[in-house]
Amino acid sequence: MLRRALESDADAVVADLEDAVASAAKAAARELVRDVLGARARESGGPLVLVRPNGAGTAFFADDLDAVSALAPDAIVPSVPIEHGQIT
């Protein structure tokens, strides 16, 4: 699905490694994103690519950043916890 999204007319594509992936599938998802973004780096054009890693307080965060940071996504969008009532 990620490959097809990158070939679409979308303005941006989000590779979500957090909520969209079960804990048991985190490593495989990371590998898929790394492979797809690595292939994209050799091409030009297409939508912006945003990667949403697992939260900084999780065991998955460092591995997420290691997998994608060298691939230069357009942005890495961290999960930000918000307490009830903080946004007005």
Foldseek 3Di string as FASTA:
>chain_A
DVLVQQVDPDQEDELELAPVDDPVCSVVSLVVVLVSLQVCLVDDDGHQYEYEWAAPPDPGRVVSCVSPVVSCGVYYDYDDDDDPPPPD
